[in-house]
Amino acid sequence: MASTGPDPRDGPDDGSGQDRGTGRISFADLYDEATLRALDAAVEGRPVVEPPRGVAGMPALALATALVSGVREAFEPAESEPVVEHADDPGDALEPVTVLFVPGDPDATVAIVRPWLLAAAGV
């Protein structure tokens, strides 16, 4: 197997069980020799799979698209249309249940229940 850098199983030089500066535990301290040999045997001889050329640049393209979209939103915020609701004036008549609905604010929405009117309405 071709090596692309230091073997992570070599571990730290200070004997602490963690790599200096990163705080990561080395393979040698985490696994016993039999497990390390089994891991090496499973990987050995397998081809290194590289992504197709067109796919390799996709993360960078996605990042660039997100950045451009974010910059556009900062300079051109989406215009929101005001919500206008028309409610008929009930006059002086009381309903058994009245809902005072506030769009976009569920905590401000209130339901008023008049149980004596429910009984009179036959509900």
PDB file of N, CA and C in Angstrom:
ATOM      1  N   MET A   1       0.859  -1.166   0.000  1.00  0.00           N
ATOM      2  CA  MET A   1       0.000   0.000   0.000  1.00  0.00           C
ATOM      3  C   MET A   1       0.902   1.226   0.000  1.00  0.00           C
ATOM      4  N   ALA A   2       0.599   2.213  -0.874  1.00  0.00           N
ATOM      5  CA  ALA A   2       1.413   3.414  -0.977  1.00  0.00           C
ATOM      6  C   ALA A   2       1.109   4.333   0.196  1.00  0.00           C
ATOM      7  N   SER A   3       2.161   4.916   0.738  1.00  0.00           N
ATOM      8  CA  SER A   3       1.998   5.798   1.883  1.00  0.00           C
ATOM      9  C   SER A   3       1.907   7.239   1.412  1.00  0.00           C
ATOM     10  N   THR A   4       0.953   7.976   1.938  1.00  0.00           N
ATOM     11  CA  THR A   4       0.812   9.385   1.576  1.00  0.00           C
ATOM     12  C   THR A   4       1.247  10.303   2.701  1.00  0.00           C
ATOM     13  N   GLY A   5       1.738   9.775   3.783  1.00  0.00           N
ATOM     14  CA  GLY A   5       2.166  10.594   4.912  1.00  0.00           C
ATOM     15  C   GLY A   5       2.538   9.699   6.064  1.00  0.00           C
ATOM     16  N   PRO A   6       2.712  10.282   7.244  1.00  0.00           N
ATOM     17  CA  PRO A   6       3.056   9.470   8.404  1.00  0.00           C
ATOM     18  C   PRO A   6       1.937   8.505   8.749  1.00  0.00           C
ATOM     19  N   ASP A   7       2.308   7.342   9.227  1.00  0.00           N
ATOM     20  CA  ASP A   7       1.346   6.315   9.587  1.00  0.00           C
ATOM     21  C   ASP A   7       0.664   6.716  10.896  1.00  0.00           C
ATOM     22  N   PRO A   8      -0.661   6.861  10.916  1.00  0.00           N
ATOM     23  CA  PRO A   8      -1.335   7.287  12.140  1.00  0.00           C
ATOM     24  C   PRO A   8      -1.227   6.259  13.255  1.00  0.00           C
ATOM     25  N   ARG A   9      -0.802   5.040  12.910  1.00  0.00           N
ATOM     26  CA  ARG A   9      -0.659   4.021  13.947  1.00  0.00           C
ATOM     27  C   ARG A   9       0.625   4.192  14.731  1.00  0.00           C
ATOM     28  N   ASP A  10       1.524   5.040  14.237  1.00  0.00           N
ATOM     29  CA  ASP A  10       2.795   5.219  14.936  1.00  0.00           C
ATOM     30  C   ASP A  10       2.597   5.867  16.295  1.00  0.00           C
ATOM     31  N   GLY A  11       1.584   6.723  16.426  1.00  0.00           N
ATOM     32  CA  GLY A  11       1.278   7.320  17.714  1.00  0.00           C
ATOM     33  C   GLY A  11       2.231   8.436  18.064  1.00  0.00           C
ATOM     34  N   PRO A  12       2.095   8.971  19.245  1.00  0.00           N
ATOM     35  CA  PRO A  12       2.906  10.098  19.685  1.00  0.00           C
ATOM     36  C   PRO A  12       4.276   9.630  20.169  1.00  0.00           C
ATOM     37  N   ASP A  13       5.157  10.593  20.272  1.00  0.00           N
ATOM     38  CA  ASP A  13       6.502  10.282  20.764  1.00  0.00           C
ATOM     39  C   ASP A  13       6.618  10.486  22.266  1.00  0.00           C
ATOM     40  N   ASP A  14       5.654  11.141  22.888  1.00  0.00           N
ATOM     41  CA  ASP A  14       5.783  11.472  24.307  1.00  0.00           C
ATOM     42  C   ASP A  14       5.213  10.404  25.234  1.00  0.00           C
ATOM     43  N   GLY A  15       4.598   9.340  24.696  1.00  0.00           N
ATOM     44  CA  GLY A  15       4.098   8.246  25.519  1.00  0.00           C
ATOM     45  C   GLY A  15       2.790   8.540  26.218  1.00  0.00           C
ATOM     46  N   SER A  16       2.116   9.632  25.879  1.00  0.00           N
ATOM     47  CA  SER A  16       0.876   9.999  26.566  1.00  0.00           C
ATOM     48  C   SER A  16      -0.335   9.261  26.010  1.00  0.00           C
ATOM     49  N   GLY A  17      -0.200   8.672  24.807  1.00  0.00           N
ATOM     50  CA  GLY A  17      -1.336   8.004  24.197  1.00  0.00           C
ATOM     51  C   GLY A  17      -2.141   8.926  23.307  1.00  0.00           C
ATOM     52  N   GLN A  18      -1.755  10.193  23.214  1.00  0.00           N
ATOM     53  CA  GLN A  18      -2.454  11.145  22.363  1.00  0.00           C
ATOM     54  C   GLN A  18      -1.437  11.854  21.486  1.00  0.00           C
ATOM     55  N   ASP A  19      -1.872  12.201  20.266  1.00  0.00           N
ATOM     56  CA  ASP A  19      -0.995  12.947  19.369  1.00  0.00           C
ATOM     57  C   ASP A  19      -0.778  14.338  19.938  1.00  0.00           C
ATOM     58  N   ARG A  20       0.461  14.791  19.826  1.00  0.00           N
ATOM     59  CA  ARG A  20       0.766  16.120  20.332  1.00  0.00           C
ATOM     60  C   ARG A  20       0.024  17.179  19.531  1.00  0.00           C
ATOM     61  N   GLY A  21      -0.624  18.093  20.226  1.00  0.00           N
ATOM     62  CA  GLY A  21      -1.275  19.214  19.586  1.00  0.00           C
ATOM     63  C   GLY A  21      -2.704  18.935  19.131  1.00  0.00           C
ATOM     64  N   THR A  22      -3.039  17.691  18.858  1.00  0.00           N
ATOM     65  CA  THR A  22      -4.390  17.409  18.364  1.00  0.00           C
ATOM     66  C   THR A  22      -5.262  16.762  19.424  1.00  0.00           C
ATOM     67  N   GLY A  23      -4.685  16.082  20.388  1.00  0.00           N
ATOM     68  CA  GLY A  23      -5.462  15.423  21.424  1.00  0.00           C
ATOM     69  C   GLY A  23      -6.113  14.135  20.963  1.00  0.00           C
ATOM     70  N   ARG A  24      -5.760  13.643  19.756  1.00  0.00           N
ATOM     71  CA  ARG A  24      -6.355  12.415  19.245  1.00  0.00           C
ATOM     72  C   ARG A  24      -5.576  11.202  19.737  1.00  0.00           C
ATOM     73  N   ILE A  25      -6.291  10.119  19.991  1.00  0.00           N
ATOM     74  CA  ILE A  25      -5.667   8.870  20.423  1.00  0.00           C
ATOM     75  C   ILE A  25      -5.131   8.158  19.190  1.00  0.00           C
ATOM     76  N   SER A  26      -3.940   7.574  19.306  1.00  0.00           N
ATOM     77  CA  SER A  26      -3.334   6.894  18.162  1.00  0.00           C
ATOM     78  C   SER A  26      -3.958   5.508  17.979  1.00  0.00           C
ATOM     79  N   PHE A  27      -3.830   4.952  16.752  1.00  0.00           N
ATOM     80  CA  PHE A  27      -4.332   3.614  16.464  1.00  0.00           C
ATOM     81  C   PHE A  27      -3.677   2.582  17.374  1.00  0.00           C
ATOM     82  N   ALA A  28      -2.381   2.712  17.599  1.00  0.00           N
ATOM     83  CA  ALA A  28      -1.647   1.722  18.385  1.00  0.00           C
ATOM     84  C   ALA A  28      -2.182   1.636  19.809  1.00  0.00           C
ATOM     85  N   ASP A  29      -2.631   2.756  20.357  1.00  0.00           N
ATOM     86  CA  ASP A  29      -3.173   2.744  21.719  1.00  0.00           C
ATOM     87  C   ASP A  29      -4.631   2.304  21.745  1.00  0.00           C
ATOM     88  N   LEU A  30      -5.319   2.424  20.623  1.00  0.00           N
ATOM     89  CA  LEU A  30      -6.730   2.106  20.573  1.00  0.00           C
ATOM     90  C   LEU A  30      -6.980   0.627  20.260  1.00  0.00           C
ATOM     91  N   TYR A  31      -6.180   0.032  19.355  1.00  0.00           N
ATOM     92  CA  TYR A  31      -6.380  -1.348  18.912  1.00  0.00           C
ATOM     93  C   TYR A  31      -5.201  -2.224  19.304  1.00  0.00           C
ATOM     94  N   ASP A  32      -5.466  -3.513  19.520  1.00  0.00           N
ATOM     95  CA  ASP A  32      -4.379  -4.452  19.768  1.00  0.00           C
ATOM     96  C   ASP A  32      -3.774  -4.874  18.419  1.00  0.00           C
ATOM     97  N   GLU A  33      -2.655  -5.606  18.458  1.00  0.00           N
ATOM     98  CA  GLU A  33      -1.925  -5.987  17.239  1.00  0.00           C
ATOM     99  C   GLU A  33      -2.772  -6.849  16.305  1.00  0.00           C
ATOM    100  N   ALA A  34      -3.556  -7.763  16.833  1.00  0.00           N
ATOM    101  CA  ALA A  34      -4.376  -8.636  15.991  1.00  0.00           C
ATOM    102  C   ALA A  34      -5.406  -7.817  15.205  1.00  0.00           C
ATOM    103  N   THR A  35      -6.008  -6.836  15.850  1.00  0.00           N
ATOM    104  CA  THR A  35      -6.981  -5.993  15.171  1.00  0.00           C
ATOM    105  C   THR A  35      -6.312  -5.139  14.110  1.00  0.00           C
ATOM    106  N   LEU A  36      -5.126  -4.590  14.421  1.00  0.00           N
ATOM    107  CA  LEU A  36      -4.391  -3.792  13.434  1.00  0.00           C
ATOM    108  C   LEU A  36      -4.036  -4.625  12.209  1.00  0.00           C
ATOM    109  N   ARG A  37      -3.610  -5.889  12.419  1.00  0.00           N
ATOM    110  CA  ARG A  37      -3.283  -6.763  11.289  1.00  0.00           C
ATOM    111  C   ARG A  37      -4.532  -7.055  10.458  1.00  0.00           C
ATOM    112  N   ALA A  38      -5.687  -7.249  11.106  1.00  0.00           N
ATOM    113  CA  ALA A  38      -6.929  -7.514  10.391  1.00  0.00           C
ATOM    114  C   ALA A  38      -7.359  -6.295   9.571  1.00  0.00           C
ATOM    115  N   LEU A  39      -7.187  -5.114  10.129  1.00  0.00           N
ATOM    116  CA  LEU A  39      -7.515  -3.893   9.394  1.00  0.00           C
ATOM    117  C   LEU A  39      -6.619  -3.733   8.167  1.00  0.00           C
ATOM    118  N   ASP A  40      -5.308  -3.986   8.347  1.00  0.00           N
ATOM    119  CA  ASP A  40      -4.372  -3.889   7.226  1.00  0.00           C
ATOM    120  C   ASP A  40      -4.694  -4.916   6.150  1.00  0.00           C
ATOM    121  N   ALA A  41      -5.061  -6.126   6.538  1.00  0.00           N
ATOM    122  CA  ALA A  41      -5.361  -7.181   5.572  1.00  0.00           C
ATOM    123  C   ALA A  41      -6.621  -6.849   4.782  1.00  0.00           C
ATOM    124  N   ALA A  42      -7.593  -6.212   5.414  1.00  0.00           N
ATOM    125  CA  ALA A  42      -8.836  -5.871   4.730  1.00  0.00           C
ATOM    126  C   ALA A  42      -8.623  -4.771   3.699  1.00  0.00           C
ATOM    127  N   VAL A  43      -7.671  -3.880   3.941  1.00  0.00           N
ATOM    128  CA  VAL A  43      -7.441  -2.745   3.049  1.00  0.00           C
ATOM    129  C   VAL A  43      -6.443  -3.084   1.955  1.00  0.00           C
ATOM    130  N   GLU A  44      -5.518  -3.968   2.235  1.00  0.00           N
ATOM    131  CA  GLU A  44      -4.437  -4.273   1.299  1.00  0.00           C
ATOM    132  C   GLU A  44      -4.983  -4.870   0.001  1.00  0.00           C
ATOM    133  N   GLY A  45      -4.493  -4.392  -1.102  1.00  0.00           N
ATOM    134  CA  GLY A  45      -4.880  -4.901  -2.399  1.00  0.00           C
ATOM    135  C   GLY A  45      -6.124  -4.253  -2.977  1.00  0.00           C
ATOM    136  N   ARG A  46      -6.801  -3.446  -2.208  1.00  0.00           N
ATOM    137  CA  ARG A  46      -7.982  -2.765  -2.724  1.00  0.00           C
ATOM    138  C   ARG A  46      -7.533  -1.538  -3.514  1.00  0.00           C
ATOM    139  N   PRO A  47      -8.168  -1.292  -4.643  1.00  0.00           N
ATOM    140  CA  PRO A  47      -7.784  -0.116  -5.420  1.00  0.00           C
ATOM    141  C   PRO A  47      -8.287   1.165  -4.743  1.00  0.00           C
ATOM    142  N   VAL A  48      -7.527   2.216  -4.932  1.00  0.00           N
ATOM    143  CA  VAL A  48      -7.940   3.507  -4.410  1.00  0.00           C
ATOM    144  C   VAL A  48      -8.952   4.082  -5.398  1.00  0.00           C
ATOM    145  N   VAL A  49     -10.120   4.367  -4.922  1.00  0.00           N
ATOM    146  CA  VAL A  49     -11.185   4.865  -5.788  1.00  0.00           C
ATOM    147  C   VAL A  49     -11.176   6.392  -5.741  1.00  0.00           C
ATOM    148  N   GLU A  50     -11.006   6.991  -6.905  1.00  0.00           N
ATOM    149  CA  GLU A  50     -11.035   8.447  -6.994  1.00  0.00           C
ATOM    150  C   GLU A  50     -12.356   8.850  -7.642  1.00  0.00           C
ATOM    151  N   PRO A  51     -12.899   9.989  -7.227  1.00  0.00           N
ATOM    152  CA  PRO A  51     -14.164  10.424  -7.828  1.00  0.00           C
ATOM    153  C   PRO A  51     -13.950  10.808  -9.291  1.00  0.00           C
ATOM    154  N   PRO A  52     -14.977  10.680 -10.108  1.00  0.00           N
ATOM    155  CA  PRO A  52     -14.851  11.116 -11.498  1.00  0.00           C
ATOM    156  C   PRO A  52     -14.476  12.596 -11.560  1.00  0.00           C
ATOM    157  N   ARG A  53     -13.822  12.996 -12.630  1.00  0.00           N
ATOM    158  CA  ARG A  53     -13.320  14.368 -12.726  1.00  0.00           C
ATOM    159  C   ARG A  53     -14.424  15.408 -12.569  1.00  0.00           C
ATOM    160  N   GLY A  54     -15.593  15.151 -13.114  1.00  0.00           N
ATOM    161  CA  GLY A  54     -16.671  16.125 -13.010  1.00  0.00           C
ATOM    162  C   GLY A  54     -17.209  16.273 -11.604  1.00  0.00           C
ATOM    163  N   VAL A  55     -17.083  15.223 -10.795  1.00  0.00           N
ATOM    164  CA  VAL A  55     -17.630  15.235  -9.446  1.00  0.00           C
ATOM    165  C   VAL A  55     -16.652  15.879  -8.461  1.00  0.00           C
ATOM    166  N   ALA A  56     -15.380  15.864  -8.773  1.00  0.00           N
ATOM    167  CA  ALA A  56     -14.367  16.352  -7.831  1.00  0.00           C
ATOM    168  C   ALA A  56     -14.566  17.828  -7.495  1.00  0.00           C
ATOM    169  N   GLY A  57     -15.038  18.634  -8.437  1.00  0.00           N
ATOM    170  CA  GLY A  57     -15.214  20.057  -8.185  1.00  0.00           C
ATOM    171  C   GLY A  57     -16.578  20.430  -7.653  1.00  0.00           C
ATOM    172  N   MET A  58     -17.453  19.460  -7.443  1.00  0.00           N
ATOM    173  CA  MET A  58     -18.812  19.753  -7.003  1.00  0.00           C
ATOM    174  C   MET A  58     -18.874  20.431  -5.633  1.00  0.00           C
ATOM    175  N   PRO A  59     -18.103  20.010  -4.630  1.00  0.00           N
ATOM    176  CA  PRO A  59     -18.186  20.716  -3.341  1.00  0.00           C
ATOM    177  C   PRO A  59     -17.789  22.187  -3.469  1.00  0.00           C
ATOM    178  N   ALA A  60     -16.758  22.464  -4.254  1.00  0.00           N
ATOM    179  CA  ALA A  60     -16.343  23.860  -4.427  1.00  0.00           C
ATOM    180  C   ALA A  60     -17.421  24.652  -5.155  1.00  0.00           C
ATOM    181  N   LEU A  61     -18.059  24.034  -6.150  1.00  0.00           N
ATOM    182  CA  LEU A  61     -19.123  24.696  -6.883  1.00  0.00           C
ATOM    183  C   LEU A  61     -20.317  24.973  -5.971  1.00  0.00           C
ATOM    184  N   ALA A  62     -20.656  24.012  -5.125  1.00  0.00           N
ATOM    185  CA  ALA A  62     -21.773  24.195  -4.197  1.00  0.00           C
ATOM    186  C   ALA A  62     -21.475  25.322  -3.210  1.00  0.00           C
ATOM    187  N   LEU A  63     -20.238  25.386  -2.735  1.00  0.00           N
ATOM    188  CA  LEU A  63     -19.845  26.444  -1.809  1.00  0.00           C
ATOM    189  C   LEU A  63     -19.916  27.803  -2.495  1.00  0.00           C
ATOM    190  N   ALA A  64     -19.418  27.893  -3.719  1.00  0.00           N
ATOM    191  CA  ALA A  64     -19.458  29.158  -4.447  1.00  0.00           C
ATOM    192  C   ALA A  64     -20.894  29.600  -4.682  1.00  0.00           C
ATOM    193  N   THR A  65     -21.759  28.674  -5.034  1.00  0.00           N
ATOM    194  CA  THR A  65     -23.170  29.007  -5.255  1.00  0.00           C
ATOM    195  C   THR A  65     -23.812  29.525  -3.970  1.00  0.00           C
ATOM    196  N   ALA A  66     -23.521  28.878  -2.867  1.00  0.00           N
ATOM    197  CA  ALA A  66     -24.080  29.316  -1.581  1.00  0.00           C
ATOM    198  C   ALA A  66     -23.577  30.705  -1.213  1.00  0.00           C
ATOM    199  N   LEU A  67     -22.298  30.964  -1.450  1.00  0.00           N
ATOM    200  CA  LEU A  67     -21.747  32.282  -1.126  1.00  0.00           C
ATOM    201  C   LEU A  67     -22.377  33.369  -1.985  1.00  0.00           C
ATOM    202  N   VAL A  68     -22.504  33.100  -3.285  1.00  0.00           N
ATOM    203  CA  VAL A  68     -23.088  34.098  -4.177  1.00  0.00           C
ATOM    204  C   VAL A  68     -24.548  34.347  -3.804  1.00  0.00           C
ATOM    205  N   SER A  69     -25.282  33.302  -3.488  1.00  0.00           N
ATOM    206  CA  SER A  69     -26.680  33.467  -3.092  1.00  0.00           C
ATOM    207  C   SER A  69     -26.785  34.283  -1.815  1.00  0.00           C
ATOM    208  N   GLY A  70     -25.899  34.011  -0.876  1.00  0.00           N
ATOM    209  CA  GLY A  70     -25.909  34.756   0.385  1.00  0.00           C
ATOM    210  C   GLY A  70     -25.577  36.218   0.184  1.00  0.00           C
ATOM    211  N   VAL A  71     -24.609  36.512  -0.687  1.00  0.00           N
ATOM    212  CA  VAL A  71     -24.244  37.896  -0.960  1.00  0.00           C
ATOM    213  C   VAL A  71     -25.405  38.607  -1.653  1.00  0.00           C
ATOM    214  N   ARG A  72     -26.061  37.919  -2.586  1.00  0.00           N
ATOM    215  CA  ARG A  72     -27.198  38.531  -3.278  1.00  0.00           C
ATOM    216  C   ARG A  72     -28.297  38.870  -2.276  1.00  0.00           C
ATOM    217  N   GLU A  73     -28.571  37.961  -1.346  1.00  0.00           N
ATOM    218  CA  GLU A  73     -29.620  38.204  -0.353  1.00  0.00           C
ATOM    219  C   GLU A  73     -29.261  39.390   0.544  1.00  0.00           C
ATOM    220  N   ALA A  74     -27.958  39.588   0.805  1.00  0.00           N
ATOM    221  CA  ALA A  74     -27.550  40.699   1.658  1.00  0.00           C
ATOM    222  C   ALA A  74     -27.787  42.039   0.964  1.00  0.00           C
ATOM    223  N   PHE A  75     -27.536  42.093  -0.346  1.00  0.00           N
ATOM    224  CA  PHE A  75     -27.703  43.341  -1.074  1.00  0.00           C
ATOM    225  C   PHE A  75     -29.118  43.538  -1.607  1.00  0.00           C
ATOM    226  N   GLU A  76     -29.804  42.463  -1.914  1.00  0.00           N
ATOM    227  CA  GLU A  76     -31.160  42.532  -2.434  1.00  0.00           C
ATOM    228  C   GLU A  76     -32.079  41.660  -1.579  1.00  0.00           C
ATOM    229  N   PRO A  77     -32.473  42.147  -0.396  1.00  0.00           N
ATOM    230  CA  PRO A  77     -33.341  41.308   0.444  1.00  0.00           C
ATOM    231  C   PRO A  77     -34.681  41.061  -0.246  1.00  0.00           C
ATOM    232  N   ALA A  78     -35.214  39.909   0.011  1.00  0.00           N
ATOM    233  CA  ALA A  78     -36.499  39.547  -0.590  1.00  0.00           C
ATOM    234  C   ALA A  78     -37.574  40.486  -0.055  1.00  0.00           C
ATOM    235  N   GLU A  79     -38.367  41.011  -0.978  1.00  0.00           N
ATOM    236  CA  GLU A  79     -39.427  41.916  -0.568  1.00  0.00           C
ATOM    237  C   GLU A  79     -40.646  41.104  -0.127  1.00  0.00           C
ATOM    238  N   SER A  80     -41.107  41.403   1.060  1.00  0.00           N
ATOM    239  CA  SER A  80     -42.281  40.683   1.544  1.00  0.00           C
ATOM    240  C   SER A  80     -43.520  41.535   1.304  1.00  0.00           C
ATOM    241  N   GLU A  81     -44.573  40.883   0.894  1.00  0.00           N
ATOM    242  CA  GLU A  81     -45.828  41.575   0.671  1.00  0.00           C
ATOM    243  C   GLU A  81     -46.594  41.663   1.990  1.00  0.00           C
ATOM    244  N   PRO A  82     -47.146  42.813   2.303  1.00  0.00           N
ATOM    245  CA  PRO A  82     -47.910  42.899   3.544  1.00  0.00           C
ATOM    246  C   PRO A  82     -49.181  42.049   3.454  1.00  0.00           C
ATOM    247  N   VAL A  83     -49.543  41.466   4.563  1.00  0.00           N
ATOM    248  CA  VAL A  83     -50.736  40.632   4.620  1.00  0.00           C
ATOM    249  C   VAL A  83     -51.897  41.498   5.101  1.00  0.00           C
ATOM    250  N   VAL A  84     -52.924  41.557   4.286  1.00  0.00           N
ATOM    251  CA  VAL A  84     -54.111  42.328   4.655  1.00  0.00           C
ATOM    252  C   VAL A  84     -55.275  41.348   4.735  1.00  0.00           C
ATOM    253  N   GLU A  85     -55.881  41.275   5.908  1.00  0.00           N
ATOM    254  CA  GLU A  85     -57.019  40.390   6.098  1.00  0.00           C
ATOM    255  C   GLU A  85     -58.255  41.235   6.370  1.00  0.00           C
ATOM    256  N   HIS A  86     -59.286  40.886   5.692  1.00  0.00           N
ATOM    257  CA  HIS A  86     -60.545  41.609   5.868  1.00  0.00           C
ATOM    258  C   HIS A  86     -61.487  40.744   6.704  1.00  0.00           C
ATOM    259  N   ALA A  87     -61.964  41.306   7.785  1.00  0.00           N
ATOM    260  CA  ALA A  87     -62.904  40.583   8.640  1.00  0.00           C
ATOM    261  C   ALA A  87     -64.195  41.391   8.726  1.00  0.00           C
ATOM    262  N   ASP A  88     -65.290  40.705   8.592  1.00  0.00           N
ATOM    263  CA  ASP A  88     -66.583  41.374   8.714  1.00  0.00           C
ATOM    264  C   ASP A  88     -66.785  41.814  10.149  1.00  0.00           C
ATOM    265  N   ASP A  89     -67.418  42.955  10.322  1.00  0.00           N
ATOM    266  CA  ASP A  89     -67.711  43.468  11.653  1.00  0.00           C
ATOM    267  C   ASP A  89     -68.922  42.734  12.206  1.00  0.00           C
ATOM    268  N   PRO A  90     -68.726  41.951  13.283  1.00  0.00           N
ATOM    269  CA  PRO A  90     -69.855  41.189  13.803  1.00  0.00           C
ATOM    270  C   PRO A  90     -70.873  42.047  14.533  1.00  0.00           C
ATOM    271  N   GLY A  91     -70.554  43.304  14.741  1.00  0.00           N
ATOM    272  CA  GLY A  91     -71.481  44.172  15.480  1.00  0.00           C
ATOM    273  C   GLY A  91     -71.406  43.851  16.955  1.00  0.00           C
ATOM    274  N   ASP A  92     -72.573  43.870  17.591  1.00  0.00           N
ATOM    275  CA  ASP A  92     -72.623  43.629  19.029  1.00  0.00           C
ATOM    276  C   ASP A  92     -72.912  42.169  19.371  1.00  0.00           C
ATOM    277  N   ALA A  93     -73.178  41.330  18.380  1.00  0.00           N
ATOM    278  CA  ALA A  93     -73.510  39.933  18.649  1.00  0.00           C
ATOM    279  C   ALA A  93     -72.267  39.178  19.115  1.00  0.00           C
ATOM    280  N   LEU A  94     -72.440  38.415  20.166  1.00  0.00           N
ATOM    281  CA  LEU A  94     -71.340  37.613  20.682  1.00  0.00           C
ATOM    282  C   LEU A  94     -71.443  36.199  20.129  1.00  0.00           C
ATOM    283  N   GLU A  95     -70.322  35.653  19.750  1.00  0.00           N
ATOM    284  CA  GLU A  95     -70.240  34.280  19.257  1.00  0.00           C
ATOM    285  C   GLU A  95     -69.793  33.372  20.399  1.00  0.00           C
ATOM    286  N   PRO A  96     -70.159  32.086  20.367  1.00  0.00           N
ATOM    287  CA  PRO A  96     -69.708  31.176  21.421  1.00  0.00           C
ATOM    288  C   PRO A  96     -68.182  31.037  21.457  1.00  0.00           C
ATOM    289  N   VAL A  97     -67.553  31.071  20.279  1.00  0.00           N
ATOM    290  CA  VAL A  97     -66.095  30.992  20.213  1.00  0.00           C
ATOM    291  C   VAL A  97     -65.602  32.092  19.294  1.00  0.00           C
ATOM    292  N   THR A  98     -64.688  32.914  19.796  1.00  0.00           N
ATOM    293  CA  THR A  98     -64.089  33.981  19.006  1.00  0.00           C
ATOM    294  C   THR A  98     -62.586  33.767  18.995  1.00  0.00           C
ATOM    295  N   VAL A  99     -62.010  33.796  17.800  1.00  0.00           N
ATOM    296  CA  VAL A  99     -60.555  33.620  17.670  1.00  0.00           C
ATOM    297  C   VAL A  99     -59.965  34.917  17.163  1.00  0.00           C
ATOM    298  N   LEU A 100     -59.047  35.468  17.933  1.00  0.00           N
ATOM    299  CA  LEU A 100     -58.311  36.658  17.512  1.00  0.00           C
ATOM    300  C   LEU A 100     -56.969  36.166  16.989  1.00  0.00           C
ATOM    301  N   PHE A 101     -56.908  36.008  15.664  1.00  0.00           N
ATOM    302  CA  PHE A 101     -55.753  35.391  15.016  1.00  0.00           C
ATOM    303  C   PHE A 101     -54.740  36.457  14.622  1.00  0.00           C
ATOM    304  N   VAL A 102     -53.485  36.240  15.013  1.00  0.00           N
ATOM    305  CA  VAL A 102     -52.391  37.140  14.637  1.00  0.00           C
ATOM    306  C   VAL A 102     -51.458  36.352  13.723  1.00  0.00           C
ATOM    307  N   PRO A 103     -51.433  36.664  12.422  1.00  0.00           N
ATOM    308  CA  PRO A 103     -50.585  35.913  11.488  1.00  0.00           C
ATOM    309  C   PRO A 103     -49.112  36.029  11.855  1.00  0.00           C
ATOM    310  N   GLY A 104     -48.434  34.900  11.849  1.00  0.00           N
ATOM    311  CA  GLY A 104     -46.999  34.883  12.110  1.00  0.00           C
ATOM    312  C   GLY A 104     -46.620  34.956  13.573  1.00  0.00           C
ATOM    313  N   ASP A 105     -47.592  35.026  14.484  1.00  0.00           N
ATOM    314  CA  ASP A 105     -47.274  35.102  15.910  1.00  0.00           C
ATOM    315  C   ASP A 105     -48.255  34.233  16.697  1.00  0.00           C
ATOM    316  N   PRO A 106     -47.958  32.926  16.788  1.00  0.00           N
ATOM    317  CA  PRO A 106     -48.885  32.021  17.474  1.00  0.00           C
ATOM    318  C   PRO A 106     -49.098  32.371  18.940  1.00  0.00           C
ATOM    319  N   ASP A 107     -48.092  32.966  19.592  1.00  0.00           N
ATOM    320  CA  ASP A 107     -48.246  33.300  21.008  1.00  0.00           C
ATOM    321  C   ASP A 107     -49.248  34.440  21.213  1.00  0.00           C
ATOM    322  N   ALA A 108     -49.431  35.289  20.202  1.00  0.00           N
ATOM    323  CA  ALA A 108     -50.361  36.409  20.329  1.00  0.00           C
ATOM    324  C   ALA A 108     -51.785  36.030  19.917  1.00  0.00           C
ATOM    325  N   THR A 109     -51.972  34.875  19.276  1.00  0.00           N
ATOM    326  CA  THR A 109     -53.302  34.426  18.877  1.00  0.00           C
ATOM    327  C   THR A 109     -54.069  33.969  20.115  1.00  0.00           C
ATOM    328  N   VAL A 110     -55.337  34.432  20.215  1.00  0.00           N
ATOM    329  CA  VAL A 110     -56.136  34.148  21.408  1.00  0.00           C
ATOM    330  C   VAL A 110     -57.493  33.586  20.968  1.00  0.00           C
ATOM    331  N   ALA A 111     -57.967  32.598  21.691  1.00  0.00           N
ATOM    332  CA  ALA A 111     -59.307  32.057  21.485  1.00  0.00           C
ATOM    333  C   ALA A 111     -60.134  32.369  22.732  1.00  0.00           C
ATOM    334  N   ILE A 112     -61.279  32.992  22.518  1.00  0.00           N
ATOM    335  CA  ILE A 112     -62.180  33.328  23.628  1.00  0.00           C
ATOM    336  C   ILE A 112     -63.382  32.393  23.533  1.00  0.00           C
ATOM    337  N   VAL A 113     -63.590  31.600  24.582  1.00  0.00           N
ATOM    338  CA  VAL A 113     -64.693  30.639  24.609  1.00  0.00           C
ATOM    339  C   VAL A 113     -65.702  31.111  25.650  1.00  0.00           C
ATOM    340  N   ARG A 114     -66.963  31.219  25.225  1.00  0.00           N
ATOM    341  CA  ARG A 114     -68.042  31.625  26.116  1.00  0.00           C
ATOM    342  C   ARG A 114     -68.970  30.421  26.277  1.00  0.00           C
ATOM    343  N   PRO A 115     -68.751  29.600  27.320  1.00  0.00           N
ATOM    344  CA  PRO A 115     -69.503  28.356  27.458  1.00  0.00           C
ATOM    345  C   PRO A 115     -71.011  28.568  27.609  1.00  0.00           C
ATOM    346  N   TRP A 116     -71.468  29.660  28.196  1.00  0.00           N
ATOM    347  CA  TRP A 116     -72.898  29.896  28.354  1.00  0.00           C
ATOM    348  C   TRP A 116     -73.584  30.110  27.001  1.00  0.00           C
ATOM    349  N   LEU A 117     -72.818  30.626  26.017  1.00  0.00           N
ATOM    350  CA  LEU A 117     -73.375  30.773  24.685  1.00  0.00           C
ATOM    351  C   LEU A 117     -73.371  29.454  23.915  1.00  0.00           C
ATOM    352  N   LEU A 118     -72.419  28.548  24.260  1.00  0.00           N
ATOM    353  CA  LEU A 118     -72.397  27.223  23.648  1.00  0.00           C
ATOM    354  C   LEU A 118     -73.660  26.460  24.042  1.00  0.00           C
ATOM    355  N   ALA A 119     -74.050  26.555  25.306  1.00  0.00           N
ATOM    356  CA  ALA A 119     -75.242  25.852  25.769  1.00  0.00           C
ATOM    357  C   ALA A 119     -76.496  26.437  25.117  1.00  0.00           C
ATOM    358  N   ALA A 120     -76.525  27.768  24.928  1.00  0.00           N
ATOM    359  CA  ALA A 120     -77.699  28.420  24.316  1.00  0.00           C
ATOM    360  C   ALA A 120     -77.796  28.077  22.845  1.00  0.00           C
ATOM    361  N   ALA A 121     -76.654  27.835  22.182  1.00  0.00           N
ATOM    362  CA  ALA A 121     -76.661  27.511  20.754  1.00  0.00           C
ATOM    363  C   ALA A 121     -76.957  26.040  20.518  1.00  0.00           C
ATOM    364  N   GLY A 122     -77.003  25.251  21.573  1.00  0.00           N
ATOM    365  CA  GLY A 122     -77.297  23.813  21.448  1.00  0.00           C
ATOM    366  C   GLY A 122     -76.106  22.994  21.004  1.00  0.00           C
ATOM    367  N   VAL A 123     -74.914  23.469  21.281  1.00  0.00           N
ATOM    368  CA  VAL A 123     -73.703  22.729  20.905  1.00  0.00           C
ATOM    369  C   VAL A 123     -73.237  21.907  22.076  1.00  0.00           C
TER     370      VAL A 123
END
